[in-house]
Amino acid sequence: MATGEGEDIAARLGDLINRHSDRLTDADGRLLDVVQRDPLRAAMENGKEVSQRAGVHPASAVRLARRLGFKGYPEFRGFLQASLVEGQGEYESPSARIAARLEKAGEGGLLRSILDSEIAALEALRDGVGDADIRRFSEVLRGAGRIFVVGASHGAALAGLVALRLRRSGYDAVDLSPMGQQRLEWVHGMRAGDVLWLINFRKANPDLQALRALAAERGACCLALTDPRGARFDPAPEAQISVSRGAAGESQSLVVPMTVANTIILDLAAIDDGHTMQSLARFRDLRDRQG
């Protein structure tokens, strides 16, 4: 578990214990010791499982929760989960994210849980992003000289797909994500008329921020596709779409931003006077000849 998560939950739990210390029993103490030693695990287990690890009666977890001011253990567990998430918007460590998603699946089935999560995120996208937001991106891309696409973490996978589709559509696009130090050789010649497309999720990324600053210095236009946690750039991009990939504990996959990216590229084809269509036809012919 990340240190910050452990400190956050320990502080909130410690305050709760102090406020109700005069009501706590020896069994409560054994339960709290188990919870404090591994708060992440306790936040994902039910009362019976925590009681078993503490070596107390299965009902003891319920009684502890009530003495701490909750209606039952599920509400206390919700407090633990909220303490892990609060101030972050999502679990910070990978193990916490996986555990939360498995817990959310419960008895309903993992696949159904993931599908429900994706559907909910896509429905939120329907209300949060409009055709005008998409058009701002496609208009910038239509007039671009070179297009530099770069993503951080999971955003790098989407950046590769975006650059590939733009190249097949006849645009001078390059994916900078996997290049390391060679990235500098590509961006060295960035100039006005070029476009930098940033794809970033979960948190601010200093490498992407440095590229954004370079684009501003060179007069290149900047686009950003982010989730709310990865949305901050200085100066602000000329066009930005920030979309939630799901609530804390949900799948957080690339379906939502990939849907946005695909829509932008499709809209680009609708406004570039046949440029995309002609390029795709040439690419198909070339691929057929190469066999």
Protein backbone atom coordinates (compact mmCIF):
# COMPACT_ATOMS: atom_id res chain seq x y z
CA MET A 1 0.00 0.00 0.00
CA ALA A 2 1.23 3.51 -0.73
CA THR A 3 2.44 5.34 2.36
CA GLY A 4 0.02 8.21 1.81
CA GLU A 5 -2.98 5.86 1.83
CA GLY A 6 -1.88 4.24 5.10
CA GLU A 7 -1.32 7.62 6.73
CA ASP A 8 -4.68 8.98 5.56
CA ILE A 9 -6.73 6.08 6.87
CA ALA A 10 -4.70 5.81 10.09
CA ALA A 11 -5.36 9.46 10.90
CA ARG A 12 -9.11 9.23 10.28
CA LEU A 13 -9.45 5.94 12.13
CA GLY A 14 -7.36 7.22 15.04
CA ASP A 15 -9.62 10.24 15.41
CA LEU A 16 -12.68 7.97 15.37
CA ILE A 17 -11.22 5.68 18.06
CA ASN A 18 -10.31 8.62 20.28
CA ARG A 19 -13.87 9.94 20.17
CA HIS A 20 -15.35 6.60 21.23
CA SER A 21 -12.54 5.10 23.34
CA ASP A 22 -14.61 4.94 26.53
CA ARG A 23 -17.06 2.50 24.85
CA LEU A 24 -14.56 0.03 23.39
CA THR A 25 -14.06 -3.52 24.72
CA ASP A 26 -11.13 -5.95 24.58
CA ALA A 27 -12.69 -7.63 21.52
CA ASP A 28 -12.97 -4.21 19.90
CA GLY A 29 -9.28 -3.65 20.57
CA ARG A 30 -8.35 -6.93 18.86
CA LEU A 31 -10.48 -6.02 15.85
CA LEU A 32 -9.01 -2.54 15.61
CA ASP A 33 -5.50 -3.96 15.79
CA VAL A 34 -6.30 -6.12 12.75
CA VAL A 35 -7.84 -3.17 10.92
CA GLN A 36 -4.95 -0.81 11.66
CA ARG A 37 -2.30 -3.35 10.65
CA ASP A 38 -3.83 -3.74 7.19
CA PRO A 39 -6.52 -1.10 6.57
CA LEU A 40 -6.68 -1.84 2.84
CA ARG A 41 -7.58 -5.48 3.46
CA ALA A 42 -10.09 -4.52 6.14
CA ALA A 43 -11.72 -2.06 3.74
CA MET A 44 -12.40 -4.92 1.33
CA GLU A 45 -13.45 -7.69 3.77
CA ASN A 46 -16.81 -8.25 5.44
CA GLY A 47 -17.31 -8.26 9.20
CA LYS A 48 -17.13 -12.04 9.50
CA GLU A 49 -13.75 -12.18 7.76
CA VAL A 50 -12.26 -9.42 9.90
CA SER A 51 -13.59 -11.06 13.08
CA GLN A 52 -12.09 -14.38 12.07
CA ARG A 53 -8.68 -12.83 11.59
CA ALA A 54 -8.97 -11.13 14.98
CA GLY A 55 -10.04 -14.36 16.67
CA VAL A 56 -13.32 -12.97 18.01
CA HIS A 57 -17.00 -13.82 17.59
CA PRO A 58 -18.36 -13.09 14.07
CA ALA A 59 -20.82 -10.58 15.51
CA SER A 60 -18.03 -8.59 17.16
CA ALA A 61 -17.32 -6.58 14.03
CA VAL A 62 -20.92 -5.42 13.90
CA ARG A 63 -20.81 -4.41 17.57
CA LEU A 64 -17.55 -2.50 17.02
CA ALA A 65 -19.02 -0.61 14.09
CA ARG A 66 -22.03 0.41 16.17
CA ARG A 67 -19.86 1.56 19.07
CA LEU A 68 -17.97 3.75 16.62
CA GLY A 69 -21.22 5.36 15.51
CA PHE A 70 -22.09 3.34 12.39
CA LYS A 71 -25.29 1.41 11.69
CA GLY A 72 -23.34 -1.78 10.98
CA TYR A 73 -20.10 -3.13 9.58
CA PRO A 74 -20.93 -2.35 5.91
CA GLU A 75 -21.19 1.34 6.82
CA PHE A 76 -17.91 1.15 8.77
CA ARG A 77 -16.27 -0.56 5.79
CA GLY A 78 -17.61 2.26 3.60
CA PHE A 79 -15.86 4.71 5.93
CA LEU A 80 -12.58 2.80 5.49
CA GLN A 81 -12.98 2.78 1.71
CA ALA A 82 -13.82 6.48 1.62
CA SER A 83 -10.72 7.19 3.70
CA LEU A 84 -8.61 5.45 1.10
CA VAL A 85 -10.17 7.46 -1.71
CA GLU A 86 -10.69 10.87 -0.09
CA GLY A 87 -8.55 13.62 -1.53
CA GLN A 88 -7.40 11.37 -4.38
CA GLY A 89 -10.50 10.59 -6.46
CA GLU A 90 -9.25 7.03 -6.93
CA TYR A 91 -7.19 4.47 -5.03
CA GLU A 92 -3.54 5.42 -5.47
CA SER A 93 -1.89 2.01 -5.34
CA PRO A 94 -2.56 -0.67 -7.98
CA SER A 95 -3.35 -3.28 -5.32
CA ALA A 96 -6.00 -1.01 -3.81
CA ARG A 97 -7.61 -0.46 -7.20
CA ILE A 98 -7.75 -4.17 -7.99
CA ALA A 99 -9.09 -5.05 -4.54
CA ALA A 100 -11.79 -2.38 -4.80
CA ARG A 101 -12.94 -3.66 -8.19
CA LEU A 102 -13.06 -7.26 -7.00
CA GLU A 103 -15.04 -6.17 -3.95
CA LYS A 104 -17.46 -4.16 -6.08
CA ALA A 105 -18.07 -7.22 -8.27
CA GLY A 106 -19.28 -9.18 -5.22
CA GLU A 107 -21.56 -12.06 -6.01
CA GLY A 108 -22.96 -10.49 -9.18
CA GLY A 109 -19.98 -11.58 -11.26
CA LEU A 110 -16.86 -9.80 -12.40
CA LEU A 111 -17.78 -9.46 -16.07
CA ARG A 112 -21.20 -8.01 -15.26
CA SER A 113 -19.59 -5.55 -12.84
CA ILE A 114 -17.06 -4.40 -15.45
CA LEU A 115 -19.77 -4.01 -18.09
CA ASP A 116 -21.97 -2.01 -15.71
CA SER A 117 -19.00 0.22 -14.90
CA GLU A 118 -18.19 0.84 -18.57
CA ILE A 119 -21.83 1.54 -19.46
CA ALA A 120 -22.16 4.03 -16.60
CA ALA A 121 -18.98 5.83 -17.67
CA LEU A 122 -20.14 5.99 -21.29
CA GLU A 123 -23.53 7.37 -20.23
CA ALA A 124 -21.71 10.08 -18.27
CA LEU A 125 -19.66 10.82 -21.39
CA ARG A 126 -22.89 11.36 -23.35
CA ASP A 127 -23.86 14.16 -20.95
CA GLY A 128 -20.38 15.63 -20.49
CA VAL A 129 -18.98 15.99 -24.02
CA GLY A 130 -20.75 17.47 -27.03
CA ASP A 131 -20.21 17.67 -30.77
CA ALA A 132 -18.73 21.16 -30.39
CA ASP A 133 -15.97 19.77 -28.13
CA ILE A 134 -15.15 17.12 -30.72
CA ARG A 135 -15.18 19.64 -33.57
CA ARG A 136 -12.65 21.90 -31.83
CA PHE A 137 -10.17 19.01 -31.86
CA SER A 138 -10.83 17.94 -35.44
CA GLU A 139 -10.53 21.50 -36.78
CA VAL A 140 -7.13 21.92 -35.14
CA LEU A 141 -5.95 18.58 -36.54
CA ARG A 142 -7.21 19.39 -40.05
CA GLY A 143 -4.88 22.37 -40.31
CA ALA A 144 -1.88 20.79 -38.57
CA GLY A 145 1.62 20.61 -39.97
CA ARG A 146 3.01 17.77 -37.89
CA ILE A 147 1.07 16.11 -35.09
CA PHE A 148 3.00 14.94 -32.04
CA VAL A 149 0.95 12.51 -29.95
CA VAL A 150 2.17 11.48 -26.50
CA GLY A 151 0.55 9.68 -23.59
CA ALA A 152 1.60 8.80 -20.06
CA SER A 153 1.03 5.40 -18.44
CA HIS A 154 -2.17 3.82 -19.87
CA GLY A 155 -2.54 6.91 -22.04
CA ALA A 156 0.53 5.75 -23.99
CA ALA A 157 -1.42 2.79 -25.40
CA LEU A 158 -4.13 5.12 -26.69
CA ALA A 159 -1.52 7.55 -28.07
CA GLY A 160 -0.09 4.79 -30.23
CA LEU A 161 -3.51 3.99 -31.68
CA VAL A 162 -4.31 7.66 -32.31
CA ALA A 163 -1.03 8.26 -34.15
CA LEU A 164 -1.52 5.11 -36.25
CA ARG A 165 -5.03 6.13 -37.31
CA LEU A 166 -3.94 9.68 -38.12
CA ARG A 167 -1.08 8.43 -40.32
CA ARG A 168 -3.43 6.12 -42.22
CA SER A 169 -5.74 9.10 -42.63
CA GLY A 170 -2.92 10.96 -44.37
CA TYR A 171 -1.65 13.13 -41.54
CA ASP A 172 1.98 13.54 -40.48
CA ALA A 173 1.62 12.06 -36.99
CA VAL A 174 4.17 10.48 -34.68
CA ASP A 175 3.73 8.76 -31.31
CA LEU A 176 6.37 10.14 -28.93
CA SER A 177 5.32 7.96 -25.98
CA PRO A 178 7.87 5.12 -26.28
CA MET A 179 10.84 7.19 -27.46
CA GLY A 180 12.66 8.12 -24.26
CA GLN A 181 15.54 10.49 -24.99
CA GLN A 182 14.88 10.25 -28.75
CA ARG A 183 11.74 12.25 -28.09
CA LEU A 184 13.93 15.37 -27.91
CA GLU A 185 15.14 14.82 -31.47
CA TRP A 186 11.55 14.83 -32.71
CA VAL A 187 10.31 17.84 -30.74
CA HIS A 188 13.49 19.86 -31.42
CA GLY A 189 11.96 21.09 -34.67
CA MET A 190 8.46 21.77 -33.27
CA ARG A 191 7.12 25.04 -34.63
CA ALA A 192 4.01 27.13 -35.17
CA GLY A 193 1.45 25.18 -37.17
CA ASP A 194 2.34 21.89 -35.46
CA VAL A 195 0.05 20.22 -32.94
CA LEU A 196 0.92 18.49 -29.68
CA TRP A 197 -1.79 16.05 -28.52
CA LEU A 198 -1.37 15.04 -24.88
CA ILE A 199 -3.19 12.02 -23.37
CA ASN A 200 -2.95 11.82 -19.60
CA PHE A 201 -4.82 10.04 -16.79
CA ARG A 202 -4.72 9.73 -13.00
CA LYS A 203 -2.22 12.47 -12.07
CA ALA A 204 -0.11 15.32 -13.38
CA ASN A 205 2.89 14.20 -15.41
CA PRO A 206 6.04 16.36 -15.43
CA ASP A 207 7.26 15.04 -18.81
CA LEU A 208 3.98 15.96 -20.48
CA GLN A 209 3.99 19.33 -18.74
CA ALA A 210 7.47 20.02 -20.11
CA LEU A 211 6.26 19.20 -23.63
CA ARG A 212 3.25 21.44 -23.15
CA ALA A 213 5.56 24.31 -22.11
CA LEU A 214 7.74 23.70 -25.17
CA ALA A 215 4.71 23.78 -27.46
CA ALA A 216 3.68 27.13 -25.98
CA GLU A 217 7.20 28.47 -26.46
CA ARG A 218 7.30 27.37 -30.11
CA GLY A 219 3.79 28.53 -30.93
CA ALA A 220 2.45 25.03 -31.56
CA CYS A 221 -1.17 24.27 -30.70
CA CYS A 222 -1.84 21.91 -27.80
CA LEU A 223 -4.73 19.45 -27.44
CA ALA A 224 -5.29 17.41 -24.28
CA LEU A 225 -7.47 14.36 -23.67
CA THR A 226 -7.50 13.61 -19.95
CA ASP A 227 -9.49 12.44 -16.99
CA PRO A 228 -10.15 14.99 -14.21
CA ARG A 229 -7.05 14.00 -12.24
CA GLY A 230 -4.67 14.34 -15.17
CA ALA A 231 -6.21 17.55 -16.50
CA ARG A 232 -3.85 20.23 -15.21
CA PHE A 233 -1.44 21.86 -17.67
CA ASP A 234 0.16 25.30 -17.59
CA PRO A 235 -0.58 27.13 -19.77
CA ALA A 236 -3.95 25.55 -20.47
CA PRO A 237 -4.19 23.70 -23.81
CA GLU A 238 -5.94 25.44 -26.67
CA ALA A 239 -8.52 22.64 -26.60
CA GLN A 240 -9.09 20.05 -23.89
CA ILE A 241 -11.57 17.27 -23.24
CA SER A 242 -11.58 15.94 -19.68
CA VAL A 243 -13.75 12.88 -19.08
CA SER A 244 -14.27 10.58 -16.12
CA ARG A 245 -13.28 6.95 -16.70
CA GLY A 246 -15.52 5.84 -13.85
CA ALA A 247 -15.95 6.37 -10.13
CA ALA A 248 -13.43 5.15 -7.57
CA GLY A 249 -13.32 1.37 -7.48
CA GLU A 250 -14.73 1.02 -11.00
CA SER A 251 -12.90 -0.26 -14.06
CA GLN A 252 -11.11 2.98 -15.12
CA SER A 253 -10.42 1.47 -18.55
CA LEU A 254 -9.64 3.19 -21.82
CA VAL A 255 -13.12 2.71 -23.30
CA VAL A 256 -14.25 6.27 -22.58
CA PRO A 257 -11.18 8.19 -23.84
CA MET A 258 -10.84 5.77 -26.77
CA THR A 259 -14.44 6.53 -27.72
CA VAL A 260 -13.62 10.24 -27.66
CA ALA A 261 -10.46 9.76 -29.75
CA ASN A 262 -12.26 7.60 -32.31
CA THR A 263 -15.03 10.19 -32.60
CA ILE A 264 -12.50 12.98 -33.17
CA ILE A 265 -10.80 11.05 -35.97
CA LEU A 266 -14.17 10.21 -37.54
CA ASP A 267 -15.24 13.86 -37.36
CA LEU A 268 -11.92 14.83 -38.94
CA ALA A 269 -12.82 12.61 -41.90
CA ALA A 270 -16.14 14.44 -42.16
CA ILE A 271 -14.57 17.90 -42.52
CA ASP A 272 -11.26 17.44 -44.38
CA ASP A 273 -12.69 17.47 -47.92
CA GLY A 274 -11.92 13.85 -48.71
CA HIS A 275 -8.32 13.92 -47.46
CA THR A 276 -8.89 11.02 -45.05
CA MET A 277 -10.91 8.96 -47.52
CA GLN A 278 -8.34 9.33 -50.30
CA SER A 279 -5.49 8.45 -47.95
CA LEU A 280 -7.29 5.35 -46.66
CA ALA A 281 -7.88 4.20 -50.22
CA ARG A 282 -4.17 4.66 -51.07
CA PHE A 283 -3.19 2.78 -47.93
CA ARG A 284 -5.53 -0.09 -48.81
CA ASP A 285 -4.06 -0.31 -52.31
CA LEU A 286 -0.52 -0.30 -50.96
CA ARG A 287 -1.34 -3.00 -48.42
CA ASP A 288 -2.94 -5.16 -51.14
CA ARG A 289 0.12 -4.81 -53.38
CA GLN A 290 2.46 -5.76 -50.56
CA GLY A 291 0.29 -8.82 -50.03
